[in-house]
Amino acid sequence: MGEQKHRVAHSSGAYEWYTPRAYVEAARQTMGGIDLDPASCPEANTVVQAKRYYTEKDNGLFKAWAGRVFLNPPYRRGLIEEFCMKLVEEYASGNVTEAVLLVNNATETIWFQRLAHMASALRFPRGRLTFWQASTTEPSRPLQGQAILYLGDHAEAFAREFSQFGLVMKLWA
């Protein structure tokens, strides 16, 4: 057997990938608004329009989270896990009442498994998302697929809003 070739062999090293407007709007419609984006910046918040957001300098991992949260964590090794586990803790404590989370579909990881266990619905997009970055006009596509998870009591609204982008799995009884 010959050497197995990988489909993707290069990463740009970029870890800030801003969410496409249509996905943010679907999150806003699902939750009725966005109170907090804990991993953001002024440029990204022009689309997210969260009432409050934390920048890299603020370090949202050490700040209070509350209300309806939209989270697209930094795509830097370790930070995805830390932000996702913080969401698990804040949701379990009741501080976060609803959340829409956009992450790599890293189904084999502990953090993804914990989130999927708490989620009411989950969406796997058709194709790869096209993200945007403030530093370039060129759209960015990740090396792997994404998943969007919903935590909260409005899974039907999530399914309605996000079904336009691909498969939605309702995880409630």
C-alpha atoms as a PDB file:
ATOM      1  CA  MET A   1       0.000   0.000   0.000  1.00  0.00           C
ATOM      2  CA  GLY A   2       1.280   3.448  -0.890  1.00  0.00           C
ATOM      3  CA  GLU A   3       1.496   6.466   1.347  1.00  0.00           C
ATOM      4  CA  GLN A   4      -1.928   7.916   2.115  1.00  0.00           C
ATOM      5  CA  LYS A   5      -2.329  11.443   0.775  1.00  0.00           C
ATOM      6  CA  HIS A   6      -4.157  14.011   2.850  1.00  0.00           C
ATOM      7  CA  ARG A   7      -6.800  16.053   1.143  1.00  0.00           C
ATOM      8  CA  VAL A   8      -5.644  19.256   2.819  1.00  0.00           C
ATOM      9  CA  ALA A   9      -2.001  19.805   3.616  1.00  0.00           C
ATOM     10  CA  HIS A  10      -1.668  23.474   4.500  1.00  0.00           C
ATOM     11  CA  SER A  11      -3.203  25.841   7.014  1.00  0.00           C
ATOM     12  CA  SER A  12      -2.869  29.593   6.738  1.00  0.00           C
ATOM     13  CA  GLY A  13      -2.328  29.857  10.484  1.00  0.00           C
ATOM     14  CA  ALA A  14      -5.190  32.355  10.809  1.00  0.00           C
ATOM     15  CA  TYR A  15      -7.334  31.756  13.880  1.00  0.00           C
ATOM     16  CA  GLU A  16      -9.857  34.594  13.669  1.00  0.00           C
ATOM     17  CA  TRP A  17     -12.598  33.622  11.253  1.00  0.00           C
ATOM     18  CA  TYR A  18     -15.616  35.935  11.321  1.00  0.00           C
ATOM     19  CA  THR A  19     -19.030  34.397  10.893  1.00  0.00           C
ATOM     20  CA  PRO A  20     -20.964  34.986   7.660  1.00  0.00           C
ATOM     21  CA  ARG A  21     -23.825  37.457   8.103  1.00  0.00           C
ATOM     22  CA  ALA A  22     -26.590  34.970   7.168  1.00  0.00           C
ATOM     23  CA  TYR A  23     -25.563  32.612   9.980  1.00  0.00           C
ATOM     24  CA  VAL A  24     -25.454  35.404  12.550  1.00  0.00           C
ATOM     25  CA  GLU A  25     -28.895  36.585  11.452  1.00  0.00           C
ATOM     26  CA  ALA A  26     -30.254  33.039  11.839  1.00  0.00           C
ATOM     27  CA  ALA A  27     -28.792  32.947  15.375  1.00  0.00           C
ATOM     28  CA  ARG A  28     -30.348  36.326  16.189  1.00  0.00           C
ATOM     29  CA  GLN A  29     -33.752  35.152  14.908  1.00  0.00           C
ATOM     30  CA  THR A  30     -33.481  31.886  16.857  1.00  0.00           C
ATOM     31  CA  MET A  31     -32.720  33.587  20.171  1.00  0.00           C
ATOM     32  CA  GLY A  32     -34.528  36.895  19.656  1.00  0.00           C
ATOM     33  CA  GLY A  33     -31.238  38.798  19.986  1.00  0.00           C
ATOM     34  CA  ILE A  34     -27.644  38.380  21.088  1.00  0.00           C
ATOM     35  CA  ASP A  35     -26.637  39.597  24.522  1.00  0.00           C
ATOM     36  CA  LEU A  36     -22.993  38.499  24.446  1.00  0.00           C
ATOM     37  CA  ASP A  37     -20.281  37.488  22.007  1.00  0.00           C
ATOM     38  CA  PRO A  38     -17.442  36.444  24.332  1.00  0.00           C
ATOM     39  CA  ALA A  39     -14.781  36.013  21.619  1.00  0.00           C
ATOM     40  CA  SER A  40     -15.090  38.963  19.281  1.00  0.00           C
ATOM     41  CA  CYS A  41     -13.665  42.253  18.115  1.00  0.00           C
ATOM     42  CA  PRO A  42     -15.094  45.570  16.875  1.00  0.00           C
ATOM     43  CA  GLU A  43     -14.983  44.405  13.219  1.00  0.00           C
ATOM     44  CA  ALA A  44     -16.850  41.154  13.873  1.00  0.00           C
ATOM     45  CA  ASN A  45     -19.403  42.911  16.064  1.00  0.00           C
ATOM     46  CA  THR A  46     -20.463  45.068  13.115  1.00  0.00           C
ATOM     47  CA  VAL A  47     -22.175  41.861  11.935  1.00  0.00           C
ATOM     48  CA  VAL A  48     -22.936  40.107  15.241  1.00  0.00           C
ATOM     49  CA  GLN A  49     -24.329  43.261  16.887  1.00  0.00           C
ATOM     50  CA  ALA A  50     -24.115  41.784  20.381  1.00  0.00           C
ATOM     51  CA  LYS A  51     -25.175  44.065  23.226  1.00  0.00           C
ATOM     52  CA  ARG A  52     -21.808  43.236  24.813  1.00  0.00           C
ATOM     53  CA  TYR A  53     -18.688  41.595  23.427  1.00  0.00           C
ATOM     54  CA  TYR A  54     -15.248  40.711  24.674  1.00  0.00           C
ATOM     55  CA  THR A  55     -12.097  41.200  22.639  1.00  0.00           C
ATOM     56  CA  GLU A  56      -8.861  39.226  22.796  1.00  0.00           C
ATOM     57  CA  LYS A  57      -7.512  41.906  25.154  1.00  0.00           C
ATOM     58  CA  ASP A  58     -10.581  41.561  27.426  1.00  0.00           C
ATOM     59  CA  ASN A  59     -10.141  37.760  27.506  1.00  0.00           C
ATOM     60  CA  GLY A  60     -13.700  36.514  27.685  1.00  0.00           C
ATOM     61  CA  LEU A  61     -12.536  33.336  29.411  1.00  0.00           C
ATOM     62  CA  PHE A  62     -12.164  35.358  32.613  1.00  0.00           C
ATOM     63  CA  LYS A  63     -15.305  37.489  32.277  1.00  0.00           C
ATOM     64  CA  ALA A  64     -18.910  36.865  33.274  1.00  0.00           C
ATOM     65  CA  TRP A  65     -21.170  35.329  30.619  1.00  0.00           C
ATOM     66  CA  ALA A  66     -24.930  35.781  30.749  1.00  0.00           C
ATOM     67  CA  GLY A  67     -28.061  35.733  28.640  1.00  0.00           C
ATOM     68  CA  ARG A  68     -28.193  34.792  24.960  1.00  0.00           C
ATOM     69  CA  VAL A  69     -24.696  33.992  23.706  1.00  0.00           C
ATOM     70  CA  PHE A  70     -23.332  33.734  20.192  1.00  0.00           C
ATOM     71  CA  LEU A  71     -19.922  32.065  20.137  1.00  0.00           C
ATOM     72  CA  ASN A  72     -17.514  31.527  17.268  1.00  0.00           C
ATOM     73  CA  PRO A  73     -14.354  30.840  19.287  1.00  0.00           C
ATOM     74  CA  PRO A  74     -10.838  31.629  18.096  1.00  0.00           C
ATOM     75  CA  TYR A  75      -9.509  28.866  15.865  1.00  0.00           C
ATOM     76  CA  ARG A  76      -6.242  28.603  17.764  1.00  0.00           C
ATOM     77  CA  ARG A  77      -5.234  25.294  19.322  1.00  0.00           C
ATOM     78  CA  GLY A  78      -6.408  25.141  22.919  1.00  0.00           C
ATOM     79  CA  LEU A  79      -8.640  28.203  22.739  1.00  0.00           C
ATOM     80  CA  ILE A  80     -11.515  26.388  21.032  1.00  0.00           C
ATOM     81  CA  GLU A  81     -11.579  23.868  23.860  1.00  0.00           C
ATOM     82  CA  GLU A  82     -11.303  26.535  26.577  1.00  0.00           C
ATOM     83  CA  PHE A  83     -14.117  28.674  25.160  1.00  0.00           C
ATOM     84  CA  CYS A  84     -16.349  25.649  24.597  1.00  0.00           C
ATOM     85  CA  MET A  85     -15.826  24.337  28.106  1.00  0.00           C
ATOM     86  CA  LYS A  86     -16.554  27.813  29.500  1.00  0.00           C
ATOM     87  CA  LEU A  87     -19.852  27.762  27.582  1.00  0.00           C
ATOM     88  CA  VAL A  88     -20.654  24.321  29.040  1.00  0.00           C
ATOM     89  CA  GLU A  89     -20.037  25.663  32.573  1.00  0.00           C
ATOM     90  CA  GLU A  90     -21.967  28.909  32.092  1.00  0.00           C
ATOM     91  CA  TYR A  91     -24.947  27.140  30.501  1.00  0.00           C
ATOM     92  CA  ALA A  92     -25.031  24.424  33.182  1.00  0.00           C
ATOM     93  CA  SER A  93     -24.987  27.119  35.900  1.00  0.00           C
ATOM     94  CA  GLY A  94     -27.918  28.950  34.296  1.00  0.00           C
ATOM     95  CA  ASN A  95     -25.951  32.134  33.581  1.00  0.00           C
ATOM     96  CA  VAL A  96     -26.261  31.538  29.829  1.00  0.00           C
ATOM     97  CA  THR A  97     -29.914  30.982  28.931  1.00  0.00           C
ATOM     98  CA  GLU A  98     -29.401  30.191  25.235  1.00  0.00           C
ATOM     99  CA  ALA A  99     -26.430  29.829  22.953  1.00  0.00           C
ATOM    100  CA  VAL A 100     -25.591  29.343  19.305  1.00  0.00           C
ATOM    101  CA  LEU A 101     -22.091  27.999  18.835  1.00  0.00           C
ATOM    102  CA  LEU A 102     -20.135  27.690  15.582  1.00  0.00           C
ATOM    103  CA  VAL A 103     -17.136  25.325  15.739  1.00  0.00           C
ATOM    104  CA  ASN A 104     -15.172  22.785  13.748  1.00  0.00           C
ATOM    105  CA  ASN A 105     -17.044  19.494  13.533  1.00  0.00           C
ATOM    106  CA  ALA A 106     -14.474  17.874  15.789  1.00  0.00           C
ATOM    107  CA  THR A 107     -16.860  15.142  16.897  1.00  0.00           C
ATOM    108  CA  GLU A 108     -14.034  13.059  18.394  1.00  0.00           C
ATOM    109  CA  THR A 109     -13.059  15.662  20.995  1.00  0.00           C
ATOM    110  CA  ILE A 110     -14.194  15.786  24.610  1.00  0.00           C
ATOM    111  CA  TRP A 111     -15.362  19.399  24.289  1.00  0.00           C
ATOM    112  CA  PHE A 112     -17.522  18.620  21.246  1.00  0.00           C
ATOM    113  CA  GLN A 113     -19.029  15.576  22.963  1.00  0.00           C
ATOM    114  CA  ARG A 114     -19.870  17.635  26.089  1.00  0.00           C
ATOM    115  CA  LEU A 115     -21.519  20.342  24.008  1.00  0.00           C
ATOM    116  CA  ALA A 116     -23.440  17.872  21.854  1.00  0.00           C
ATOM    117  CA  HIS A 117     -24.726  16.202  25.020  1.00  0.00           C
ATOM    118  CA  MET A 118     -26.116  19.561  26.238  1.00  0.00           C
ATOM    119  CA  ALA A 119     -27.404  20.750  22.864  1.00  0.00           C
ATOM    120  CA  SER A 120     -31.064  20.734  21.871  1.00  0.00           C
ATOM    121  CA  ALA A 121     -30.213  20.829  18.169  1.00  0.00           C
ATOM    122  CA  LEU A 122     -27.216  20.518  15.904  1.00  0.00           C
ATOM    123  CA  ARG A 123     -26.611  21.534  12.314  1.00  0.00           C
ATOM    124  CA  PHE A 124     -24.013  20.284   9.872  1.00  0.00           C
ATOM    125  CA  PRO A 125     -23.699  22.662   6.914  1.00  0.00           C
ATOM    126  CA  ARG A 126     -23.746  21.712   3.267  1.00  0.00           C
ATOM    127  CA  GLY A 127     -20.227  22.401   2.066  1.00  0.00           C
ATOM    128  CA  ARG A 128     -17.685  24.567   3.817  1.00  0.00           C
ATOM    129  CA  LEU A 129     -18.602  27.948   5.244  1.00  0.00           C
ATOM    130  CA  THR A 130     -17.032  31.033   3.729  1.00  0.00           C
ATOM    131  CA  PHE A 131     -15.757  33.174   6.589  1.00  0.00           C
ATOM    132  CA  TRP A 132     -14.491  36.730   6.356  1.00  0.00           C
ATOM    133  CA  GLN A 133     -11.545  38.453   7.982  1.00  0.00           C
ATOM    134  CA  ALA A 134     -10.986  42.137   8.613  1.00  0.00           C
ATOM    135  CA  SER A 135      -7.411  41.930   7.340  1.00  0.00           C
ATOM    136  CA  THR A 136      -8.330  40.830   3.819  1.00  0.00           C
ATOM    137  CA  THR A 137     -11.100  41.034   1.250  1.00  0.00           C
ATOM    138  CA  GLU A 138     -10.477  37.410   0.274  1.00  0.00           C
ATOM    139  CA  PRO A 139     -12.978  35.000   1.839  1.00  0.00           C
ATOM    140  CA  SER A 140     -11.537  32.217   3.989  1.00  0.00           C
ATOM    141  CA  ARG A 141     -12.523  28.566   3.950  1.00  0.00           C
ATOM    142  CA  PRO A 142     -11.543  26.254   6.789  1.00  0.00           C
ATOM    143  CA  LEU A 143      -9.660  23.013   6.327  1.00  0.00           C
ATOM    144  CA  GLN A 144     -12.495  20.984   7.851  1.00  0.00           C
ATOM    145  CA  GLY A 145     -16.269  21.163   8.103  1.00  0.00           C
ATOM    146  CA  GLN A 146     -18.213  23.032  10.752  1.00  0.00           C
ATOM    147  CA  ALA A 147     -21.049  22.332  13.145  1.00  0.00           C
ATOM    148  CA  ILE A 148     -23.511  24.742  14.698  1.00  0.00           C
ATOM    149  CA  LEU A 149     -24.932  23.746  18.048  1.00  0.00           C
ATOM    150  CA  TYR A 150     -27.897  25.238  19.849  1.00  0.00           C
ATOM    151  CA  LEU A 151     -28.307  25.153  23.617  1.00  0.00           C
ATOM    152  CA  GLY A 152     -31.667  26.301  24.908  1.00  0.00           C
ATOM    153  CA  ASP A 153     -35.422  25.890  24.849  1.00  0.00           C
ATOM    154  CA  HIS A 154     -36.103  27.120  21.298  1.00  0.00           C
ATOM    155  CA  ALA A 155     -34.821  24.168  19.268  1.00  0.00           C
ATOM    156  CA  GLU A 156     -37.791  24.416  16.885  1.00  0.00           C
ATOM    157  CA  ALA A 157     -36.831  28.009  16.074  1.00  0.00           C
ATOM    158  CA  PHE A 158     -33.217  26.913  15.550  1.00  0.00           C
ATOM    159  CA  ALA A 159     -34.337  24.133  13.204  1.00  0.00           C
ATOM    160  CA  ARG A 160     -36.530  26.553  11.261  1.00  0.00           C
ATOM    161  CA  GLU A 161     -33.831  29.234  10.922  1.00  0.00           C
ATOM    162  CA  PHE A 162     -30.855  26.971  10.229  1.00  0.00           C
ATOM    163  CA  SER A 163     -32.439  24.327   7.981  1.00  0.00           C
ATOM    164  CA  GLN A 164     -31.721  26.587   4.982  1.00  0.00           C
ATOM    165  CA  PHE A 165     -27.988  25.865   5.439  1.00  0.00           C
ATOM    166  CA  GLY A 166     -28.040  22.074   5.685  1.00  0.00           C
ATOM    167  CA  LEU A 167     -28.953  19.140   7.836  1.00  0.00           C
ATOM    168  CA  VAL A 168     -30.443  19.995  11.246  1.00  0.00           C
ATOM    169  CA  MET A 169     -30.638  17.292  13.875  1.00  0.00           C
ATOM    170  CA  LYS A 170     -33.123  17.875  16.665  1.00  0.00           C
ATOM    171  CA  LEU A 171     -31.733  16.395  19.834  1.00  0.00           C
ATOM    172  CA  TRP A 172     -34.760  16.803  22.063  1.00  0.00           C
ATOM    173  CA  ALA A 173     -37.565  14.339  22.821  1.00  0.00           C
END
